[in-house]
C-alpha atoms as a PDB file:
ATOM      1  CA  MET A   1      67.854  29.892   0.546  1.00  0.00           C
ATOM      2  CA  GLY A   2      64.424  31.075  -0.202  1.00  0.00           C
ATOM      3  CA  GLY A   3      62.241  34.246   1.981  1.00  0.00           C
ATOM      4  CA  GLN A   4      61.669  37.622   0.096  1.00  0.00           C
ATOM      5  CA  PRO A   5      64.451  38.610  -2.069  1.00  0.00           C
ATOM      6  CA  PRO A   6      65.623  41.909  -0.980  1.00  0.00           C
ATOM      7  CA  ARG A   7      65.252  44.607  -3.129  1.00  0.00           C
ATOM      8  CA  PRO A   8      68.169  46.497  -4.432  1.00  0.00           C
ATOM      9  CA  GLY A   9      69.569  49.026  -2.990  1.00  0.00           C
ATOM     10  CA  PRO A  10      72.602  51.529  -2.555  1.00  0.00           C
ATOM     11  CA  GLN A  11      74.369  49.874   0.085  1.00  0.00           C
ATOM     12  CA  SER A  12      74.747  47.059  -1.871  1.00  0.00           C
ATOM     13  CA  HIS A  13      76.344  48.863  -4.745  1.00  0.00           C
ATOM     14  CA  ARG A  14      78.324  50.889  -2.585  1.00  0.00           C
ATOM     15  CA  LEU A  15      79.923  47.465  -0.888  1.00  0.00           C
ATOM     16  CA  LEU A  16      80.810  46.242  -4.249  1.00  0.00           C
ATOM     17  CA  ARG A  17      82.477  49.124  -5.765  1.00  0.00           C
ATOM     18  CA  ARG A  18      84.820  49.153  -2.307  1.00  0.00           C
ATOM     19  CA  ALA A  19      86.546  45.889  -4.147  1.00  0.00           C
ATOM     20  CA  HIS A  20      86.838  48.046  -6.906  1.00  0.00           C
ATOM     21  CA  PRO A  21      85.698  45.584 -10.034  1.00  0.00           C
ATOM     22  CA  GLU A  22      86.728  46.832 -13.391  1.00  0.00           C
ATOM     23  CA  ARG A  23      83.261  46.310 -14.337  1.00  0.00           C
ATOM     24  CA  LEU A  24      79.943  46.307 -11.955  1.00  0.00           C
ATOM     25  CA  TYR A  25      76.846  44.228 -12.890  1.00  0.00           C
ATOM     26  CA  ALA A  26      74.440  45.188 -11.168  1.00  0.00           C
ATOM     27  CA  PHE A  27      70.365  46.223 -10.926  1.00  0.00           C
ATOM     28  CA  ALA A  28      70.115  50.101 -12.212  1.00  0.00           C
ATOM     29  CA  CYS A  29      70.237  52.064  -8.936  1.00  0.00           C
ATOM     30  CA  PRO A  30      70.411  55.635  -9.157  1.00  0.00           C
ATOM     31  CA  GLN A  31      70.598  56.204  -5.400  1.00  0.00           C
ATOM     32  CA  ALA A  32      74.143  54.752  -5.961  1.00  0.00           C
ATOM     33  CA  GLU A  33      74.764  56.628  -8.845  1.00  0.00           C
ATOM     34  CA  HIS A  34      74.641  53.144 -11.054  1.00  0.00           C
ATOM     35  CA  VAL A  35      72.335  53.955 -13.919  1.00  0.00           C
ATOM     36  CA  ASP A  36      73.579  50.937 -15.923  1.00  0.00           C
ATOM     37  CA  GLY A  37      71.902  47.727 -15.690  1.00  0.00           C
ATOM     38  CA  PRO A  38      68.021  46.783 -16.020  1.00  0.00           C
ATOM     39  CA  GLU A  39      65.099  47.704 -14.064  1.00  0.00           C
ATOM     40  CA  TRP A  40      64.499  45.539 -10.889  1.00  0.00           C
ATOM     41  CA  SER A  41      60.635  43.764 -11.061  1.00  0.00           C
ATOM     42  CA  ASP A  42      59.126  42.482  -8.026  1.00  0.00           C
ATOM     43  CA  GLY A  43      57.386  39.185  -8.465  1.00  0.00           C
ATOM     44  CA  GLU A  44      59.803  37.987 -10.771  1.00  0.00           C
ATOM     45  CA  HIS A  45      61.176  34.216 -10.024  1.00  0.00           C
ATOM     46  CA  GLU A  46      64.730  34.671  -9.052  1.00  0.00           C
ATOM     47  CA  VAL A  47      66.348  32.117 -11.814  1.00  0.00           C
ATOM     48  CA  ARG A  48      64.854  34.085 -14.616  1.00  0.00           C
ATOM     49  CA  ARG A  49      65.813  37.775 -12.525  1.00  0.00           C
ATOM     50  CA  TRP A  50      69.657  36.807 -12.395  1.00  0.00           C
ATOM     51  CA  CYS A  51      69.519  35.660 -15.837  1.00  0.00           C
ATOM     52  CA  ARG A  52      67.829  38.587 -17.243  1.00  0.00           C
ATOM     53  CA  LEU A  53      70.826  40.799 -15.084  1.00  0.00           C
ATOM     54  CA  LEU A  54      73.464  38.877 -17.081  1.00  0.00           C
ATOM     55  CA  GLU A  55      71.668  39.177 -20.720  1.00  0.00           C
ATOM     56  CA  TRP A  56      71.716  42.725 -20.184  1.00  0.00           C
ATOM     57  CA  TYR A  57      75.318  42.595 -19.934  1.00  0.00           C
ATOM     58  CA  GLY A  58      75.455  40.348 -23.197  1.00  0.00           C
ATOM     59  CA  ILE A  59      76.241  36.972 -21.344  1.00  0.00           C
ATOM     60  CA  PRO A  60      73.940  34.253 -22.696  1.00  0.00           C
ATOM     61  CA  THR A  61      72.119  32.374 -20.324  1.00  0.00           C
ATOM     62  CA  ASP A  62      69.853  28.950 -19.979  1.00  0.00           C
ATOM     63  CA  PRO A  63      67.277  29.528 -17.424  1.00  0.00           C
ATOM     64  CA  THR A  64      66.039  25.852 -17.392  1.00  0.00           C
ATOM     65  CA  ASP A  65      69.800  24.292 -16.711  1.00  0.00           C
ATOM     66  CA  LEU A  66      69.434  24.338 -13.380  1.00  0.00           C
ATOM     67  CA  ALA A  67      71.461  20.888 -12.964  1.00  0.00           C
ATOM     68  CA  LEU A  68      74.139  20.395 -10.158  1.00  0.00           C
ATOM     69  CA  LEU A  69      76.859  17.648 -10.323  1.00  0.00           C
ATOM     70  CA  PRO A  70      75.575  14.816  -8.098  1.00  0.00           C
ATOM     71  CA  PRO A  71      78.309  14.450  -5.226  1.00  0.00           C
ATOM     72  CA  PRO A  72      79.843  11.127  -4.468  1.00  0.00           C
ATOM     73  CA  VAL A  73      77.700   8.802  -2.983  1.00  0.00           C
ATOM     74  CA  PRO A  74      77.164   9.418   0.929  1.00  0.00           C
ATOM     75  CA  PRO A  75      77.063   6.595   3.247  1.00  0.00           C
ATOM     76  CA  ARG A  76      73.233   6.553   3.496  1.00  0.00           C
ATOM     77  CA  ALA A  77      71.968   6.984  -0.072  1.00  0.00           C
ATOM     78  CA  GLY A  78      68.319   5.853  -0.813  1.00  0.00           C
ATOM     79  CA  VAL A  79      66.334   7.363   1.631  1.00  0.00           C
ATOM     80  CA  ALA A  80      63.436   9.539   1.955  1.00  0.00           C
ATOM     81  CA  VAL A  81      64.705  13.008   3.004  1.00  0.00           C
ATOM     82  CA  VAL A  82      61.954  14.692   5.835  1.00  0.00           C
ATOM     83  CA  HIS A  83      63.852  18.066   6.155  1.00  0.00           C
ATOM     84  CA  PRO A  84      61.849  19.775   8.855  1.00  0.00           C
ATOM     85  CA  GLY A  85      64.203  22.911   9.711  1.00  0.00           C
ATOM     86  CA  ALA A  86      64.045  26.063   8.044  1.00  0.00           C
ATOM     87  CA  LYS A  87      66.237  29.821   8.725  1.00  0.00           C
ATOM     88  CA  ALA A  88      62.887  31.595   9.243  1.00  0.00           C
ATOM     89  CA  ALA A  89      60.422  30.725  12.103  1.00  0.00           C
ATOM     90  CA  GLU A  90      57.314  31.701   9.732  1.00  0.00           C
ATOM     91  CA  ARG A  91      58.416  29.102   7.266  1.00  0.00           C
ATOM     92  CA  HIS A  92      58.258  25.824   9.862  1.00  0.00           C
ATOM     93  CA  TRP A  93      55.783  23.138   9.235  1.00  0.00           C
ATOM     94  CA  PRO A  94      54.341  21.715  12.370  1.00  0.00           C
ATOM     95  CA  PRO A  95      56.925  18.946  13.497  1.00  0.00           C
ATOM     96  CA  GLN A  96      53.548  16.835  14.288  1.00  0.00           C
ATOM     97  CA  ARG A  97      52.990  16.980  10.582  1.00  0.00           C
ATOM     98  CA  PHE A  98      55.876  16.286   9.234  1.00  0.00           C
ATOM     99  CA  ALA A  99      55.832  13.265  11.573  1.00  0.00           C
ATOM    100  CA  ALA A 100      52.593  12.173  10.325  1.00  0.00           C
ATOM    101  CA  VAL A 101      54.631  12.114   6.833  1.00  0.00           C
ATOM    102  CA  ALA A 102      57.735  10.559   8.219  1.00  0.00           C
ATOM    103  CA  ARG A 103      55.664   7.507   9.492  1.00  0.00           C
ATOM    104  CA  HIS A 104      53.565   7.316   6.591  1.00  0.00           C
ATOM    105  CA  LEU A 105      56.827   7.042   4.316  1.00  0.00           C
ATOM    106  CA  ALA A 106      58.373   4.240   6.629  1.00  0.00           C
ATOM    107  CA  ALA A 107      55.073   2.241   6.229  1.00  0.00           C
ATOM    108  CA  ARG A 108      55.386   2.470   2.503  1.00  0.00           C
ATOM    109  CA  GLY A 109      58.759   0.642   3.258  1.00  0.00           C
ATOM    110  CA  PHE A 110      60.783   3.834   2.659  1.00  0.00           C
ATOM    111  CA  ASP A 111      64.212   4.191   4.543  1.00  0.00           C
ATOM    112  CA  VAL A 112      63.566   7.472   6.080  1.00  0.00           C
ATOM    113  CA  ALA A 113      66.173  10.099   7.114  1.00  0.00           C
ATOM    114  CA  VAL A 114      65.292  13.037   9.314  1.00  0.00           C
ATOM    115  CA  THR A 115      67.681  15.962   8.200  1.00  0.00           C
ATOM    116  CA  GLY A 116      69.070  19.361   9.170  1.00  0.00           C
ATOM    117  CA  SER A 117      71.829  21.376  11.132  1.00  0.00           C
ATOM    118  CA  ALA A 118      72.930  21.017  14.544  1.00  0.00           C
ATOM    119  CA  ALA A 119      70.842  23.721  15.465  1.00  0.00           C
ATOM    120  CA  GLU A 120      67.751  21.912  14.243  1.00  0.00           C
ATOM    121  CA  ARG A 121      68.573  18.477  15.827  1.00  0.00           C
ATOM    122  CA  PRO A 122      66.007  18.952  18.716  1.00  0.00           C
ATOM    123  CA  ILE A 123      63.374  19.077  15.883  1.00  0.00           C
ATOM    124  CA  ALA A 124      64.768  16.827  13.897  1.00  0.00           C
ATOM    125  CA  GLU A 125      64.698  14.118  17.016  1.00  0.00           C
ATOM    126  CA  CYS A 126      61.377  15.433  18.183  1.00  0.00           C
ATOM    127  CA  VAL A 127      59.914  14.509  14.560  1.00  0.00           C
ATOM    128  CA  ALA A 128      61.548  11.020  14.620  1.00  0.00           C
ATOM    129  CA  GLU A 129      60.153  10.065  18.057  1.00  0.00           C
ATOM    130  CA  LEU A 130      56.882  10.976  17.349  1.00  0.00           C
ATOM    131  CA  ALA A 131      57.149   8.864  14.038  1.00  0.00           C
ATOM    132  CA  GLY A 132      58.405   6.226  15.778  1.00  0.00           C
ATOM    133  CA  LEU A 133      61.797   6.242  13.948  1.00  0.00           C
ATOM    134  CA  GLY A 134      64.908   4.799  15.434  1.00  0.00           C
ATOM    135  CA  GLU A 135      67.922   7.488  16.275  1.00  0.00           C
ATOM    136  CA  ASP A 136      69.806   5.982  13.306  1.00  0.00           C
ATOM    137  CA  SER A 137      67.035   8.021  11.453  1.00  0.00           C
ATOM    138  CA  VAL A 138      68.167  11.321  12.334  1.00  0.00           C
ATOM    139  CA  LEU A 139      71.181  12.619  10.658  1.00  0.00           C
ATOM    140  CA  ALA A 140      70.383  16.285  11.385  1.00  0.00           C
ATOM    141  CA  GLY A 141      73.914  17.915  12.853  1.00  0.00           C
ATOM    142  CA  SER A 142      75.785  14.571  11.710  1.00  0.00           C
ATOM    143  CA  THR A 143      76.223  15.920   7.933  1.00  0.00           C
ATOM    144  CA  ASP A 144      78.332  18.788   6.764  1.00  0.00           C
ATOM    145  CA  PRO A 145      76.818  20.851   3.613  1.00  0.00           C
ATOM    146  CA  ALA A 146      78.730  18.457   0.815  1.00  0.00           C
ATOM    147  CA  GLU A 147      77.515  15.555   3.049  1.00  0.00           C
ATOM    148  CA  LEU A 148      74.351  16.421   2.837  1.00  0.00           C
ATOM    149  CA  ALA A 149      74.110  17.261  -0.708  1.00  0.00           C
ATOM    150  CA  GLY A 150      74.865  13.925  -1.390  1.00  0.00           C
ATOM    151  CA  VAL A 151      72.290  12.422   0.783  1.00  0.00           C
ATOM    152  CA  VAL A 152      69.580  14.843  -1.383  1.00  0.00           C
ATOM    153  CA  ALA A 153      71.429  13.915  -4.566  1.00  0.00           C
ATOM    154  CA  HIS A 154      71.430  10.159  -3.744  1.00  0.00           C
ATOM    155  CA  ALA A 155      67.845  10.239  -2.052  1.00  0.00           C
ATOM    156  CA  LYS A 156      64.790   8.698  -3.408  1.00  0.00           C
ATOM    157  CA  LEU A 157      62.272  11.625  -2.252  1.00  0.00           C
ATOM    158  CA  VAL A 158      62.299  14.998  -0.337  1.00  0.00           C
ATOM    159  CA  VAL A 159      59.750  16.340   1.702  1.00  0.00           C
ATOM    160  CA  SER A 160      60.866  19.876   3.236  1.00  0.00           C
ATOM    161  CA  GLY A 161      59.736  23.368   3.608  1.00  0.00           C
ATOM    162  CA  ASP A 162      61.280  26.099   1.001  1.00  0.00           C
ATOM    163  CA  THR A 163      64.734  25.936   2.478  1.00  0.00           C
ATOM    164  CA  GLY A 164      67.896  24.630   0.778  1.00  0.00           C
ATOM    165  CA  VAL A 165      67.582  21.134   0.400  1.00  0.00           C
ATOM    166  CA  ALA A 166      64.267  21.901  -1.514  1.00  0.00           C
ATOM    167  CA  HIS A 167      66.592  23.896  -3.965  1.00  0.00           C
ATOM    168  CA  LEU A 168      68.867  20.741  -3.640  1.00  0.00           C
ATOM    169  CA  ALA A 169      66.316  18.523  -4.950  1.00  0.00           C
ATOM    170  CA  THR A 170      65.529  20.658  -7.949  1.00  0.00           C
ATOM    171  CA  ALA A 171      68.968  20.701  -9.238  1.00  0.00           C
ATOM    172  CA  TYR A 172      69.224  17.069  -8.543  1.00  0.00           C
ATOM    173  CA  ARG A 173      66.086  16.176 -10.417  1.00  0.00           C
ATOM    174  CA  ILE A 174      65.299  14.100  -7.314  1.00  0.00           C
ATOM    175  CA  PRO A 175      61.258  13.842  -6.547  1.00  0.00           C
ATOM    176  CA  SER A 176      60.241  16.837  -4.079  1.00  0.00           C
ATOM    177  CA  VAL A 177      57.299  18.031  -2.284  1.00  0.00           C
ATOM    178  CA  VAL A 178      57.970  21.583  -1.063  1.00  0.00           C
ATOM    179  CA  LEU A 179      55.953  23.141   1.675  1.00  0.00           C
ATOM    180  CA  PHE A 180      55.876  26.842   0.692  1.00  0.00           C
ATOM    181  CA  GLY A 181      54.683  29.785   3.092  1.00  0.00           C
ATOM    182  CA  PRO A 182      55.071  32.765   3.307  1.00  0.00           C
ATOM    183  CA  VAL A 183      56.754  33.444  -0.112  1.00  0.00           C
ATOM    184  CA  THR A 184      55.046  31.782  -2.839  1.00  0.00           C
ATOM    185  CA  PRO A 185      56.866  29.863  -5.192  1.00  0.00           C
ATOM    186  CA  ASP A 186      56.226  32.108  -7.911  1.00  0.00           C
ATOM    187  CA  LEU A 187      59.629  33.594  -6.501  1.00  0.00           C
ATOM    188  CA  TRP A 188      61.459  30.500  -5.502  1.00  0.00           C
ATOM    189  CA  GLY A 189      59.688  27.467  -6.390  1.00  0.00           C
ATOM    190  CA  PRO A 190      61.074  24.609  -8.844  1.00  0.00           C
ATOM    191  CA  PRO A 191      60.226  24.742 -12.379  1.00  0.00           C
ATOM    192  CA  PRO A 192      56.284  23.834 -12.904  1.00  0.00           C
ATOM    193  CA  ASP A 193      56.961  21.818 -15.924  1.00  0.00           C
ATOM    194  CA  ARG A 194      58.593  19.322 -13.952  1.00  0.00           C
ATOM    195  CA  PRO A 195      56.299  16.822 -12.317  1.00  0.00           C
ATOM    196  CA  GLU A 196      58.794  15.161  -9.981  1.00  0.00           C
ATOM    197  CA  HIS A 197      58.387  18.425  -8.236  1.00  0.00           C
ATOM    198  CA  ARG A 198      55.641  19.475  -6.342  1.00  0.00           C
ATOM    199  CA  ALA A 199      55.332  22.824  -4.769  1.00  0.00           C
ATOM    200  CA  LEU A 200      52.108  23.044  -2.192  1.00  0.00           C
ATOM    201  CA  TRP A 201      50.959  26.879  -1.725  1.00  0.00           C
ATOM    202  CA  ARG A 202      47.929  27.616   0.542  1.00  0.00           C
ATOM    203  CA  GLY A 203      48.850  31.369   1.033  1.00  0.00           C
ATOM    204  CA  PRO A 204      51.464  33.164   3.277  1.00  0.00           C
ATOM    205  CA  ALA A 205      50.445  30.745   6.452  1.00  0.00           C
ATOM    206  CA  VAL A 206      52.425  27.483   5.781  1.00  0.00           C
ATOM    207  CA  GLY A 207      50.181  25.610   8.483  1.00  0.00           C
ATOM    208  CA  SER A 208      47.217  25.768   5.930  1.00  0.00           C
ATOM    209  CA  ILE A 209      48.768  22.666   4.022  1.00  0.00           C
ATOM    210  CA  GLY A 210      47.354  19.494   5.371  1.00  0.00           C
ATOM    211  CA  VAL A 211      48.963  16.242   6.040  1.00  0.00           C
ATOM    212  CA  GLU A 212      47.007  14.463   3.734  1.00  0.00           C
ATOM    213  CA  GLU A 213      47.503  17.440   0.943  1.00  0.00           C
ATOM    214  CA  VAL A 214      51.494  15.994   1.293  1.00  0.00           C
ATOM    215  CA  LEU A 215      51.171  12.631   0.900  1.00  0.00           C
ATOM    216  CA  ALA A 216      48.804  12.939  -1.936  1.00  0.00           C
ATOM    217  CA  ALA A 217      51.879  15.218  -3.512  1.00  0.00           C
ATOM    218  CA  VAL A 218      54.111  12.586  -2.455  1.00  0.00           C
ATOM    219  CA  ASP A 219      52.249   9.990  -4.666  1.00  0.00           C
ATOM    220  CA  GLU A 220      52.037  11.797  -7.527  1.00  0.00           C
ATOM    221  CA  VAL A 221      56.082  12.953  -7.554  1.00  0.00           C
ATOM    222  CA  THR A 222      57.087   9.253  -6.833  1.00  0.00           C
ATOM    223  CA  CYS A 223      54.585   8.083  -9.823  1.00  0.00           C
ATOM    224  CA  ALA A 224      56.082  10.827 -12.200  1.00  0.00           C
ATOM    225  CA  ALA A 225      59.683   9.891 -11.192  1.00  0.00           C
ATOM    226  CA  ALA A 226      58.850   6.419 -12.064  1.00  0.00           C
ATOM    227  CA  ALA A 227      57.438   7.066 -14.997  1.00  0.00           C
END
């Protein structure tokens, strides 16, 4: 999840047509001889974009309905999730800064869990070591997607970049601080009217976001969730 949304093109339309659907719901693309459907709009939030597509075809939507049913309670619940990884390198916040955040959270009494995929385990271990956390704090590579979703759904806090874990926190209404760059949260961010979620954006370079700014945002979302 995350990243610059692709523009509609004839390749996707032609690929879908190979499945011989009874009807293709898609944005207009004259190059693929698909003139039905609404026009694509750059800069539109992804939730609104796809709801607008369905509404064009008469399917009612609710852009505010972002909730997912929480999965069963995982073996590790009630943690503060620190998720340093992201698919694209340009969305990586420095591990030293994630470690500073994790260290601060641990000092405040949070049970910190550093999450990620198996490929992200080295960076998770680096963050945990720099933060002075034990090996048992590293969950990266030891959870499948469903288990990771469970960890997020039953967490107390999520701190991450613009990646799938951030969207899960929104869906489960878990307090979250999400660091955006190079793509603006106007496209992928949580609803701005939810005080338990903070999207931090200082331009395309995610490294422009400082540790103190993240910690201040943590205070804001945890206070909002407790109110």
